[in-house]
Amino acid sequence: NMDLPPYMMAAGQPTKPHGINREGLSRRGFSKDAIRQIKRAYKIIYQSGQRLEAAREEIESLATETPELKILVDFLSHSGRGILR
């Protein structure tokens, strides 16, 4: 059992990450720019081929401009079971 990071969706059997929850973010008032940056973070985690620590550091640098990413950085830093990848 692994954790699914905030803002992400998963699907399938076995379960795999399947993009960000754009509709839910929009309904909760996230700006288009914040949603765009969350999608960028998703790509860094799941499509860049980087190790998780390097991906977390890159997202952390983006969090200075997009505070919504701080939640994701904190999650990645403290996930005890690892994340679904």
PDB file of N, CA and C in Angstrom:
ATOM      1  N   ASN A   1       0.833  -1.189   0.000  1.00  0.00           N
ATOM      2  CA  ASN A   1       0.000   0.000   0.000  1.00  0.00           C
ATOM      3  C   ASN A   1       0.870   1.242   0.000  1.00  0.00           C
ATOM      4  N   MET A   2       0.647   2.083  -0.973  1.00  0.00           N
ATOM      5  CA  MET A   2       1.417   3.314  -1.076  1.00  0.00           C
ATOM      6  C   MET A   2       0.456   4.500  -1.078  1.00  0.00           C
ATOM      7  N   ASP A   3       1.001   5.661  -0.784  1.00  0.00           N
ATOM      8  CA  ASP A   3       0.186   6.873  -0.711  1.00  0.00           C
ATOM      9  C   ASP A   3       0.057   7.533  -2.076  1.00  0.00           C
ATOM     10  N   LEU A   4      -1.077   8.179  -2.295  1.00  0.00           N
ATOM     11  CA  LEU A   4      -1.303   8.971  -3.501  1.00  0.00           C
ATOM     12  C   LEU A   4      -1.153  10.435  -3.111  1.00  0.00           C
ATOM     13  N   PRO A   5      -0.255  11.163  -3.766  1.00  0.00           N
ATOM     14  CA  PRO A   5      -0.032  12.567  -3.401  1.00  0.00           C
ATOM     15  C   PRO A   5      -1.282  13.430  -3.577  1.00  0.00           C
ATOM     16  N   PRO A   6      -1.337  14.538  -2.830  1.00  0.00           N
ATOM     17  CA  PRO A   6      -2.453  15.473  -2.982  1.00  0.00           C
ATOM     18  C   PRO A   6      -2.592  15.940  -4.425  1.00  0.00           C
ATOM     19  N   TYR A   7      -3.799  16.228  -4.815  1.00  0.00           N
ATOM     20  CA  TYR A   7      -4.165  16.761  -6.131  1.00  0.00           C
ATOM     21  C   TYR A   7      -4.137  15.713  -7.247  1.00  0.00           C
ATOM     22  N   MET A   8      -3.695  14.491  -6.968  1.00  0.00           N
ATOM     23  CA  MET A   8      -3.531  13.472  -7.999  1.00  0.00           C
ATOM     24  C   MET A   8      -4.728  12.526  -8.026  1.00  0.00           C
ATOM     25  N   MET A   9      -4.886  11.836  -9.170  1.00  0.00           N
ATOM     26  CA  MET A   9      -5.903  10.798  -9.316  1.00  0.00           C
ATOM     27  C   MET A   9      -5.197   9.498  -9.684  1.00  0.00           C
ATOM     28  N   ALA A  10      -5.852   8.392  -9.358  1.00  0.00           N
ATOM     29  CA  ALA A  10      -5.329   7.082  -9.715  1.00  0.00           C
ATOM     30  C   ALA A  10      -6.471   6.246 -10.274  1.00  0.00           C
ATOM     31  N   ALA A  11      -6.118   5.281 -11.119  1.00  0.00           N
ATOM     32  CA  ALA A  11      -7.136   4.420 -11.720  1.00  0.00           C
ATOM     33  C   ALA A  11      -6.488   3.101 -12.104  1.00  0.00           C
ATOM     34  N   GLY A  12      -7.325   2.126 -12.397  1.00  0.00           N
ATOM     35  CA  GLY A  12      -6.862   0.853 -12.933  1.00  0.00           C
ATOM     36  C   GLY A  12      -6.627  -0.208 -11.887  1.00  0.00           C
ATOM     37  N   GLN A  13      -6.312  -1.391 -12.411  1.00  0.00           N
ATOM     38  CA  GLN A  13      -6.005  -2.543 -11.573  1.00  0.00           C
ATOM     39  C   GLN A  13      -4.801  -3.231 -12.172  1.00  0.00           C
ATOM     40  N   PRO A  14      -3.623  -3.132 -11.652  1.00  0.00           N
ATOM     41  CA  PRO A  14      -3.272  -2.452 -10.406  1.00  0.00           C
ATOM     42  C   PRO A  14      -3.375  -0.929 -10.540  1.00  0.00           C
ATOM     43  N   THR A  15      -3.573  -0.284  -9.425  1.00  0.00           N
ATOM     44  CA  THR A  15      -3.763   1.166  -9.403  1.00  0.00           C
ATOM     45  C   THR A  15      -2.493   1.888  -9.820  1.00  0.00           C
ATOM     46  N   LYS A  16      -2.668   2.859 -10.722  1.00  0.00           N
ATOM     47  CA  LYS A  16      -1.547   3.676 -11.188  1.00  0.00           C
ATOM     48  C   LYS A  16      -1.979   5.134 -11.217  1.00  0.00           C
ATOM     49  N   PRO A  17      -1.030   6.055 -11.060  1.00  0.00           N
ATOM     50  CA  PRO A  17      -1.358   7.479 -11.149  1.00  0.00           C
ATOM     51  C   PRO A  17      -1.949   7.792 -12.521  1.00  0.00           C
ATOM     52  N   HIS A  18      -2.932   8.689 -12.517  1.00  0.00           N
ATOM     53  CA  HIS A  18      -3.633   8.976 -13.773  1.00  0.00           C
ATOM     54  C   HIS A  18      -3.964  10.463 -13.886  1.00  0.00           C
ATOM     55  N   GLY A  19      -2.985  11.319 -13.687  1.00  0.00           N
ATOM     56  CA  GLY A  19      -3.194  12.750 -13.855  1.00  0.00           C
ATOM     57  C   GLY A  19      -3.602  13.463 -12.582  1.00  0.00           C
ATOM     58  N   ILE A  20      -3.926  14.748 -12.741  1.00  0.00           N
ATOM     59  CA  ILE A  20      -4.347  15.547 -11.597  1.00  0.00           C
ATOM     60  C   ILE A  20      -5.867  15.670 -11.587  1.00  0.00           C
ATOM     61  N   ASN A  21      -6.402  15.996 -10.429  1.00  0.00           N
ATOM     62  CA  ASN A  21      -7.843  16.171 -10.280  1.00  0.00           C
ATOM     63  C   ASN A  21      -8.210  17.609 -10.653  1.00  0.00           C
ATOM     64  N   ARG A  22      -8.102  17.924 -11.922  1.00  0.00           N
ATOM     65  CA  ARG A  22      -8.327  19.283 -12.432  1.00  0.00           C
ATOM     66  C   ARG A  22      -9.730  19.794 -12.077  1.00  0.00           C
ATOM     67  N   GLU A  23     -10.736  18.964 -12.237  1.00  0.00           N
ATOM     68  CA  GLU A  23     -12.115  19.383 -11.959  1.00  0.00           C
ATOM     69  C   GLU A  23     -12.295  19.730 -10.484  1.00  0.00           C
ATOM     70  N   GLY A  24     -11.789  18.880  -9.610  1.00  0.00           N
ATOM     71  CA  GLY A  24     -11.894  19.146  -8.177  1.00  0.00           C
ATOM     72  C   GLY A  24     -11.148  20.407  -7.771  1.00  0.00           C
ATOM     73  N   LEU A  25      -9.972  20.610  -8.342  1.00  0.00           N
ATOM     74  CA  LEU A  25      -9.192  21.811  -8.037  1.00  0.00           C
ATOM     75  C   LEU A  25      -9.934  23.062  -8.494  1.00  0.00           C
ATOM     76  N   SER A  26     -10.497  22.998  -9.676  1.00  0.00           N
ATOM     77  CA  SER A  26     -11.245  24.133 -10.215  1.00  0.00           C
ATOM     78  C   SER A  26     -12.464  24.449  -9.347  1.00  0.00           C
ATOM     79  N   ARG A  27     -13.171  23.418  -8.926  1.00  0.00           N
ATOM     80  CA  ARG A  27     -14.351  23.608  -8.074  1.00  0.00           C
ATOM     81  C   ARG A  27     -13.986  24.229  -6.730  1.00  0.00           C
ATOM     82  N   ARG A  28     -12.780  23.951  -6.267  1.00  0.00           N
ATOM     83  CA  ARG A  28     -12.341  24.480  -4.974  1.00  0.00           C
ATOM     84  C   ARG A  28     -11.655  25.835  -5.096  1.00  0.00           C
ATOM     85  N   GLY A  29     -11.714  26.417  -6.290  1.00  0.00           N
ATOM     86  CA  GLY A  29     -11.240  27.782  -6.458  1.00  0.00           C
ATOM     87  C   GLY A  29      -9.767  27.957  -6.760  1.00  0.00           C
ATOM     88  N   PHE A  30      -9.078  26.880  -7.120  1.00  0.00           N
ATOM     89  CA  PHE A  30      -7.674  27.012  -7.499  1.00  0.00           C
ATOM     90  C   PHE A  30      -7.592  27.810  -8.799  1.00  0.00           C
ATOM     91  N   SER A  31      -6.626  28.704  -8.882  1.00  0.00           N
ATOM     92  CA  SER A  31      -6.462  29.507 -10.098  1.00  0.00           C
ATOM     93  C   SER A  31      -5.964  28.634 -11.249  1.00  0.00           C
ATOM     94  N   LYS A  32      -6.150  29.122 -12.464  1.00  0.00           N
ATOM     95  CA  LYS A  32      -5.659  28.382 -13.632  1.00  0.00           C
ATOM     96  C   LYS A  32      -4.148  28.220 -13.569  1.00  0.00           C
ATOM     97  N   ASP A  33      -3.455  29.247 -13.084  1.00  0.00           N
ATOM     98  CA  ASP A  33      -2.001  29.160 -12.971  1.00  0.00           C
ATOM     99  C   ASP A  33      -1.593  28.101 -11.949  1.00  0.00           C
ATOM    100  N   ALA A  34      -2.286  28.042 -10.806  1.00  0.00           N
ATOM    101  CA  ALA A  34      -1.979  27.032  -9.793  1.00  0.00           C
ATOM    102  C   ALA A  34      -2.211  25.629 -10.357  1.00  0.00           C
ATOM    103  N   ILE A  35      -3.301  25.440 -11.083  1.00  0.00           N
ATOM    104  CA  ILE A  35      -3.591  24.134 -11.683  1.00  0.00           C
ATOM    105  C   ILE A  35      -2.515  23.776 -12.703  1.00  0.00           C
ATOM    106  N   ARG A  36      -2.078  24.742 -13.468  1.00  0.00           N
ATOM    107  CA  ARG A  36      -1.010  24.517 -14.454  1.00  0.00           C
ATOM    108  C   ARG A  36       0.289  24.086 -13.750  1.00  0.00           C
ATOM    109  N   GLN A  37       0.595  24.720 -12.621  1.00  0.00           N
ATOM    110  CA  GLN A  37       1.811  24.367 -11.881  1.00  0.00           C
ATOM    111  C   GLN A  37       1.683  22.994 -11.216  1.00  0.00           C
ATOM    112  N   ILE A  38       0.487  22.645 -10.763  1.00  0.00           N
ATOM    113  CA  ILE A  38       0.270  21.314 -10.188  1.00  0.00           C
ATOM    114  C   ILE A  38       0.450  20.256 -11.273  1.00  0.00           C
ATOM    115  N   LYS A  39      -0.040  20.532 -12.476  1.00  0.00           N
ATOM    116  CA  LYS A  39       0.171  19.602 -13.590  1.00  0.00           C
ATOM    117  C   LYS A  39       1.662  19.482 -13.898  1.00  0.00           C
ATOM    118  N   ARG A  40       2.368  20.593 -13.835  1.00  0.00           N
ATOM    119  CA  ARG A  40       3.820  20.568 -14.051  1.00  0.00           C
ATOM    120  C   ARG A  40       4.494  19.694 -12.989  1.00  0.00           C
ATOM    121  N   ALA A  41       4.053  19.825 -11.737  1.00  0.00           N
ATOM    122  CA  ALA A  41       4.602  19.001 -10.659  1.00  0.00           C
ATOM    123  C   ALA A  41       4.315  17.521 -10.910  1.00  0.00           C
ATOM    124  N   TYR A  42       3.110  17.215 -11.389  1.00  0.00           N
ATOM    125  CA  TYR A  42       2.764  15.828 -11.732  1.00  0.00           C
ATOM    126  C   TYR A  42       3.762  15.282 -12.756  1.00  0.00           C
ATOM    127  N   LYS A  43       4.037  16.069 -13.781  1.00  0.00           N
ATOM    128  CA  LYS A  43       4.972  15.628 -14.823  1.00  0.00           C
ATOM    129  C   LYS A  43       6.375  15.442 -14.264  1.00  0.00           C
ATOM    130  N   ILE A  44       6.766  16.295 -13.331  1.00  0.00           N
ATOM    131  CA  ILE A  44       8.086  16.155 -12.711  1.00  0.00           C
ATOM    132  C   ILE A  44       8.158  14.842 -11.942  1.00  0.00           C
ATOM    133  N   ILE A  45       7.107  14.532 -11.185  1.00  0.00           N
ATOM    134  CA  ILE A  45       7.109  13.304 -10.379  1.00  0.00           C
ATOM    135  C   ILE A  45       7.014  12.059 -11.250  1.00  0.00           C
ATOM    136  N   TYR A  46       6.091  12.067 -12.211  1.00  0.00           N
ATOM    137  CA  TYR A  46       5.744  10.833 -12.907  1.00  0.00           C
ATOM    138  C   TYR A  46       6.303  10.675 -14.313  1.00  0.00           C
ATOM    139  N   GLN A  47       6.765  11.738 -14.945  1.00  0.00           N
ATOM    140  CA  GLN A  47       7.198  11.599 -16.331  1.00  0.00           C
ATOM    141  C   GLN A  47       8.634  12.030 -16.589  1.00  0.00           C
ATOM    142  N   SER A  48       9.295  12.617 -15.603  1.00  0.00           N
ATOM    143  CA  SER A  48      10.646  13.137 -15.845  1.00  0.00           C
ATOM    144  C   SER A  48      11.734  12.076 -15.708  1.00  0.00           C
ATOM    145  N   GLY A  49      11.417  10.971 -15.044  1.00  0.00           N
ATOM    146  CA  GLY A  49      12.419   9.934 -14.833  1.00  0.00           C
ATOM    147  C   GLY A  49      13.355  10.225 -13.669  1.00  0.00           C
ATOM    148  N   GLN A  50      13.098  11.304 -12.939  1.00  0.00           N
ATOM    149  CA  GLN A  50      13.949  11.657 -11.802  1.00  0.00           C
ATOM    150  C   GLN A  50      13.636  10.776 -10.599  1.00  0.00           C
ATOM    151  N   ARG A  51      14.628  10.633  -9.745  1.00  0.00           N
ATOM    152  CA  ARG A  51      14.386   9.990  -8.455  1.00  0.00           C
ATOM    153  C   ARG A  51      13.464  10.906  -7.657  1.00  0.00           C
ATOM    154  N   LEU A  52      12.736  10.349  -6.713  1.00  0.00           N
ATOM    155  CA  LEU A  52      11.737  11.109  -5.974  1.00  0.00           C
ATOM    156  C   LEU A  52      12.346  12.305  -5.247  1.00  0.00           C
ATOM    157  N   GLU A  53      13.503  12.139  -4.645  1.00  0.00           N
ATOM    158  CA  GLU A  53      14.130  13.244  -3.909  1.00  0.00           C
ATOM    159  C   GLU A  53      14.453  14.410  -4.842  1.00  0.00           C
ATOM    160  N   ALA A  54      14.974  14.116  -6.020  1.00  0.00           N
ATOM    161  CA  ALA A  54      15.285  15.177  -6.991  1.00  0.00           C
ATOM    162  C   ALA A  54      14.003  15.854  -7.469  1.00  0.00           C
ATOM    163  N   ALA A  55      12.962  15.071  -7.685  1.00  0.00           N
ATOM    164  CA  ALA A  55      11.673  15.637  -8.105  1.00  0.00           C
ATOM    165  C   ALA A  55      11.115  16.538  -7.011  1.00  0.00           C
ATOM    166  N   ARG A  56      11.209  16.087  -5.760  1.00  0.00           N
ATOM    167  CA  ARG A  56      10.716  16.885  -4.638  1.00  0.00           C
ATOM    168  C   ARG A  56      11.454  18.217  -4.556  1.00  0.00           C
ATOM    169  N   GLU A  57      12.767  18.192  -4.735  1.00  0.00           N
ATOM    170  CA  GLU A  57      13.558  19.425  -4.681  1.00  0.00           C
ATOM    171  C   GLU A  57      13.165  20.384  -5.803  1.00  0.00           C
ATOM    172  N   GLU A  58      12.925  19.855  -6.988  1.00  0.00           N
ATOM    173  CA  GLU A  58      12.518  20.712  -8.104  1.00  0.00           C
ATOM    174  C   GLU A  58      11.148  21.342  -7.836  1.00  0.00           C
ATOM    175  N   ILE A  59      10.231  20.550  -7.308  1.00  0.00           N
ATOM    176  CA  ILE A  59       8.902  21.079  -6.989  1.00  0.00           C
ATOM    177  C   ILE A  59       8.997  22.098  -5.857  1.00  0.00           C
ATOM    178  N   GLU A  60       9.883  21.851  -4.907  1.00  0.00           N
ATOM    179  CA  GLU A  60      10.077  22.799  -3.805  1.00  0.00           C
ATOM    180  C   GLU A  60      10.511  24.167  -4.328  1.00  0.00           C
ATOM    181  N   SER A  61      11.342  24.183  -5.360  1.00  0.00           N
ATOM    182  CA  SER A  61      11.767  25.463  -5.932  1.00  0.00           C
ATOM    183  C   SER A  61      10.594  26.172  -6.615  1.00  0.00           C
ATOM    184  N   LEU A  62       9.650  25.419  -7.163  1.00  0.00           N
ATOM    185  CA  LEU A  62       8.457  26.016  -7.778  1.00  0.00           C
ATOM    186  C   LEU A  62       7.476  26.537  -6.725  1.00  0.00           C
ATOM    187  N   ALA A  63       7.539  25.966  -5.521  1.00  0.00           N
ATOM    188  CA  ALA A  63       6.585  26.320  -4.467  1.00  0.00           C
ATOM    189  C   ALA A  63       6.757  27.755  -3.983  1.00  0.00           C
ATOM    190  N   THR A  64       7.897  28.371  -4.259  1.00  0.00           N
ATOM    191  CA  THR A  64       8.071  29.767  -3.854  1.00  0.00           C
ATOM    192  C   THR A  64       7.121  30.670  -4.633  1.00  0.00           C
ATOM    193  N   GLU A  65       6.798  30.279  -5.857  1.00  0.00           N
ATOM    194  CA  GLU A  65       5.884  31.063  -6.688  1.00  0.00           C
ATOM    195  C   GLU A  65       4.446  30.548  -6.634  1.00  0.00           C
ATOM    196  N   THR A  66       4.286  29.279  -6.282  1.00  0.00           N
ATOM    197  CA  THR A  66       2.956  28.659  -6.232  1.00  0.00           C
ATOM    198  C   THR A  66       2.789  27.998  -4.867  1.00  0.00           C
ATOM    199  N   PRO A  67       2.230  28.719  -3.889  1.00  0.00           N
ATOM    200  CA  PRO A  67       2.128  28.190  -2.526  1.00  0.00           C
ATOM    201  C   PRO A  67       1.361  26.870  -2.423  1.00  0.00           C
ATOM    202  N   GLU A  68       0.451  26.608  -3.359  1.00  0.00           N
ATOM    203  CA  GLU A  68      -0.315  25.352  -3.327  1.00  0.00           C
ATOM    204  C   GLU A  68       0.603  24.138  -3.425  1.00  0.00           C
ATOM    205  N   LEU A  69       1.776  24.310  -4.003  1.00  0.00           N
ATOM    206  CA  LEU A  69       2.715  23.197  -4.137  1.00  0.00           C
ATOM    207  C   LEU A  69       3.396  22.855  -2.817  1.00  0.00           C
ATOM    208  N   LYS A  70       3.354  23.753  -1.838  1.00  0.00           N
ATOM    209  CA  LYS A  70       3.972  23.485  -0.535  1.00  0.00           C
ATOM    210  C   LYS A  70       3.334  22.257   0.109  1.00  0.00           C
ATOM    211  N   ILE A  71       2.024  22.107  -0.046  1.00  0.00           N
ATOM    212  CA  ILE A  71       1.325  20.933   0.498  1.00  0.00           C
ATOM    213  C   ILE A  71       1.885  19.658  -0.125  1.00  0.00           C
ATOM    214  N   LEU A  72       2.115  19.693  -1.419  1.00  0.00           N
ATOM    215  CA  LEU A  72       2.662  18.538  -2.127  1.00  0.00           C
ATOM    216  C   LEU A  72       4.086  18.246  -1.665  1.00  0.00           C
ATOM    217  N   VAL A  73       4.901  19.275  -1.521  1.00  0.00           N
ATOM    218  CA  VAL A  73       6.287  19.105  -1.058  1.00  0.00           C
ATOM    219  C   VAL A  73       6.297  18.491   0.341  1.00  0.00           C
ATOM    220  N   ASP A  74       5.462  19.007   1.240  1.00  0.00           N
ATOM    221  CA  ASP A  74       5.391  18.462   2.600  1.00  0.00           C
ATOM    222  C   ASP A  74       4.970  16.996   2.578  1.00  0.00           C
ATOM    223  N   PHE A  75       4.004  16.667   1.738  1.00  0.00           N
ATOM    224  CA  PHE A  75       3.550  15.284   1.616  1.00  0.00           C
ATOM    225  C   PHE A  75       4.694  14.384   1.148  1.00  0.00           C
ATOM    226  N   LEU A  76       5.405  14.808   0.108  1.00  0.00           N
ATOM    227  CA  LEU A  76       6.502  14.000  -0.426  1.00  0.00           C
ATOM    228  C   LEU A  76       7.618  13.833   0.601  1.00  0.00           C
ATOM    229  N   SER A  77       7.810  14.834   1.439  1.00  0.00           N
ATOM    230  CA  SER A  77       8.860  14.779   2.458  1.00  0.00           C
ATOM    231  C   SER A  77       8.510  13.839   3.603  1.00  0.00           C
ATOM    232  N   HIS A  78       7.216  13.656   3.874  1.00  0.00           N
ATOM    233  CA  HIS A  78       6.808  12.910   5.063  1.00  0.00           C
ATOM    234  C   HIS A  78       6.032  11.630   4.779  1.00  0.00           C
ATOM    235  N   SER A  79       5.938  11.214   3.545  1.00  0.00           N
ATOM    236  CA  SER A  79       5.210   9.987   3.221  1.00  0.00           C
ATOM    237  C   SER A  79       5.992   8.785   3.743  1.00  0.00           C
ATOM    238  N   GLY A  80       5.429   8.114   4.729  1.00  0.00           N
ATOM    239  CA  GLY A  80       6.114   6.985   5.346  1.00  0.00           C
ATOM    240  C   GLY A  80       6.078   5.716   4.511  1.00  0.00           C
ATOM    241  N   ARG A  81       5.051   5.555   3.689  1.00  0.00           N
ATOM    242  CA  ARG A  81       4.900   4.321   2.910  1.00  0.00           C
ATOM    243  C   ARG A  81       5.401   4.459   1.486  1.00  0.00           C
ATOM    244  N   GLY A  82       5.872   5.640   1.113  1.00  0.00           N
ATOM    245  CA  GLY A  82       6.250   5.875  -0.273  1.00  0.00           C
ATOM    246  C   GLY A  82       5.026   6.274  -1.072  1.00  0.00           C
ATOM    247  N   ILE A  83       5.250   6.701  -2.302  1.00  0.00           N
ATOM    248  CA  ILE A  83       4.118   7.148  -3.109  1.00  0.00           C
ATOM    249  C   ILE A  83       3.871   6.200  -4.272  1.00  0.00           C
ATOM    250  N   LEU A  84       2.632   6.186  -4.697  1.00  0.00           N
ATOM    251  CA  LEU A  84       2.221   5.398  -5.852  1.00  0.00           C
ATOM    252  C   LEU A  84       2.917   5.950  -7.084  1.00  0.00           C
ATOM    253  N   ARG A  85       3.647   5.090  -7.797  1.00  0.00           N
ATOM    254  CA  ARG A  85       4.359   5.551  -8.999  1.00  0.00           C
ATOM    255  C   ARG A  85       4.176   4.577 -10.122  1.00  0.00           C
TER     256      ARG A  85
END
